Amino acid sequence: MTRPLPCTKCGSPAGVAEDFTGHADWGMAVIDDDGIVRPAKQNVDIYKGEPTRARAVCSNNDCSHQWTLRRRFEPIAPPRRTP
């Protein structure tokens, strides 16, 4: 049986966000006439690394509380058991 994850501050339902190590590779760069460095081509490759933490985020815009989950987070639910 499942139940919503409540915000620890206001009790509203909360979602989960994972923070990752990673980087964006913009490729070759150019310097514009205004001195600002920009990518030579508007193409980016995103490399997602390992998760660094899972955090809960309150869905109530008036609250917006966030906290690090203390429980284990599994993004894929286990298969349902049939009786």
C-alpha atoms as a PDB file:
ATOM      1  CA  MET A   1       0.000   0.000   0.000  1.00  0.00           C
ATOM      2  CA  THR A   2       1.332   3.444  -0.903  1.00  0.00           C
ATOM      3  CA  ARG A   3       0.644   6.871   0.547  1.00  0.00           C
ATOM      4  CA  PRO A   4       1.666  10.387  -0.508  1.00  0.00           C
ATOM      5  CA  LEU A   5       4.932  11.768   0.814  1.00  0.00           C
ATOM      6  CA  PRO A   6       3.912  14.740   3.007  1.00  0.00           C
ATOM      7  CA  CYS A   7       5.880  17.960   3.370  1.00  0.00           C
ATOM      8  CA  THR A   8       7.575  18.045   6.765  1.00  0.00           C
ATOM      9  CA  LYS A   9       6.708  21.738   7.087  1.00  0.00           C
ATOM     10  CA  CYS A  10       3.094  22.125   5.885  1.00  0.00           C
ATOM     11  CA  GLY A  11       1.852  18.563   5.184  1.00  0.00           C
ATOM     12  CA  SER A  12       1.113  19.098   1.461  1.00  0.00           C
ATOM     13  CA  PRO A  13       2.118  16.346  -1.001  1.00  0.00           C
ATOM     14  CA  ALA A  14       5.760  16.434  -2.030  1.00  0.00           C
ATOM     15  CA  GLY A  15       7.658  15.315  -5.127  1.00  0.00           C
ATOM     16  CA  VAL A  16      11.206  14.003  -5.459  1.00  0.00           C
ATOM     17  CA  ALA A  17      14.152  15.510  -7.358  1.00  0.00           C
ATOM     18  CA  GLU A  18      17.575  13.921  -7.766  1.00  0.00           C
ATOM     19  CA  ASP A  19      20.751  15.989  -7.941  1.00  0.00           C
ATOM     20  CA  PHE A  20      23.498  14.590 -10.175  1.00  0.00           C
ATOM     21  CA  THR A  21      27.133  15.175 -10.869  1.00  0.00           C
ATOM     22  CA  GLY A  22      27.525  15.892 -14.559  1.00  0.00           C
ATOM     23  CA  HIS A  23      28.479  18.463 -17.112  1.00  0.00           C
ATOM     24  CA  ALA A  24      27.384  20.111 -20.366  1.00  0.00           C
ATOM     25  CA  ASP A  25      29.815  19.957 -23.312  1.00  0.00           C
ATOM     26  CA  TRP A  26      29.211  22.918 -25.628  1.00  0.00           C
ATOM     27  CA  GLY A  27      32.111  22.060 -27.952  1.00  0.00           C
ATOM     28  CA  MET A  28      34.337  24.660 -29.585  1.00  0.00           C
ATOM     29  CA  ALA A  29      33.993  28.270 -28.451  1.00  0.00           C
ATOM     30  CA  VAL A  30      34.268  31.698 -30.085  1.00  0.00           C
ATOM     31  CA  ILE A  31      34.672  35.223 -28.720  1.00  0.00           C
ATOM     32  CA  ASP A  32      32.074  37.709 -30.001  1.00  0.00           C
ATOM     33  CA  ASP A  33      32.854  41.346 -30.825  1.00  0.00           C
ATOM     34  CA  ASP A  34      31.410  42.294 -27.424  1.00  0.00           C
ATOM     35  CA  GLY A  35      34.010  40.072 -25.680  1.00  0.00           C
ATOM     36  CA  ILE A  36      31.541  37.396 -24.558  1.00  0.00           C
ATOM     37  CA  VAL A  37      32.528  33.759 -25.022  1.00  0.00           C
ATOM     38  CA  ARG A  38      29.868  31.696 -26.781  1.00  0.00           C
ATOM     39  CA  PRO A  39      29.658  28.192 -28.256  1.00  0.00           C
ATOM     40  CA  ALA A  40      30.672  28.063 -31.926  1.00  0.00           C
ATOM     41  CA  LYS A  41      27.580  25.945 -32.664  1.00  0.00           C
ATOM     42  CA  GLN A  42      24.306  25.895 -30.707  1.00  0.00           C
ATOM     43  CA  ASN A  43      24.593  22.228 -29.798  1.00  0.00           C
ATOM     44  CA  VAL A  44      25.135  20.796 -26.327  1.00  0.00           C
ATOM     45  CA  ASP A  45      25.841  17.286 -25.100  1.00  0.00           C
ATOM     46  CA  ILE A  46      24.733  16.608 -21.541  1.00  0.00           C
ATOM     47  CA  TYR A  47      26.600  14.006 -19.522  1.00  0.00           C
ATOM     48  CA  LYS A  48      24.710  12.833 -16.459  1.00  0.00           C
ATOM     49  CA  GLY A  49      26.800  11.286 -13.736  1.00  0.00           C
ATOM     50  CA  GLU A  50      25.928   9.560 -10.493  1.00  0.00           C
ATOM     51  CA  PRO A  51      23.145  10.843  -8.219  1.00  0.00           C
ATOM     52  CA  THR A  52      24.536  12.869  -5.320  1.00  0.00           C
ATOM     53  CA  ARG A  53      21.304  13.172  -3.322  1.00  0.00           C
ATOM     54  CA  ALA A  54      17.555  12.727  -3.490  1.00  0.00           C
ATOM     55  CA  ARG A  55      15.514  15.604  -2.140  1.00  0.00           C
ATOM     56  CA  ALA A  56      11.831  16.108  -1.521  1.00  0.00           C
ATOM     57  CA  VAL A  57      10.135  19.249  -2.842  1.00  0.00           C
ATOM     58  CA  CYS A  58       6.819  20.526  -1.485  1.00  0.00           C
ATOM     59  CA  SER A  59       4.107  20.994  -4.142  1.00  0.00           C
ATOM     60  CA  ASN A  60       2.567  23.942  -2.253  1.00  0.00           C
ATOM     61  CA  ASN A  61       3.858  27.152  -3.890  1.00  0.00           C
ATOM     62  CA  ASP A  62       3.287  29.095  -0.660  1.00  0.00           C
ATOM     63  CA  CYS A  63       5.584  26.670   1.193  1.00  0.00           C
ATOM     64  CA  SER A  64       8.228  25.491  -1.369  1.00  0.00           C
ATOM     65  CA  HIS A  65      10.072  23.603   1.386  1.00  0.00           C
ATOM     66  CA  GLN A  66      12.845  21.236   0.271  1.00  0.00           C
ATOM     67  CA  TRP A  67      14.729  18.667   2.299  1.00  0.00           C
ATOM     68  CA  THR A  68      17.102  15.754   1.781  1.00  0.00           C
ATOM     69  CA  LEU A  69      15.306  12.412   1.910  1.00  0.00           C
ATOM     70  CA  ARG A  70      16.412  10.205   4.775  1.00  0.00           C
ATOM     71  CA  ARG A  71      14.588   7.165   3.378  1.00  0.00           C
ATOM     72  CA  ARG A  72      16.008   5.196   0.462  1.00  0.00           C
ATOM     73  CA  PHE A  73      14.740   6.376  -2.935  1.00  0.00           C
ATOM     74  CA  GLU A  74      14.049   3.810  -5.690  1.00  0.00           C
ATOM     75  CA  PRO A  75      12.837   5.350  -8.984  1.00  0.00           C
ATOM     76  CA  ILE A  76      11.397   2.075 -10.298  1.00  0.00           C
ATOM     77  CA  ALA A  77       8.533   0.395  -8.430  1.00  0.00           C
ATOM     78  CA  PRO A  78       8.786  -3.352  -7.819  1.00  0.00           C
ATOM     79  CA  PRO A  79       6.398  -5.628  -9.751  1.00  0.00           C
ATOM     80  CA  ARG A  80       3.011  -6.116  -8.090  1.00  0.00           C
ATOM     81  CA  ARG A  81       2.466  -9.407  -6.336  1.00  0.00           C
ATOM     82  CA  THR A  82      -0.613 -11.374  -7.311  1.00  0.00           C
ATOM     83  CA  PRO A  83      -2.418 -13.233  -4.518  1.00  0.00           C
END
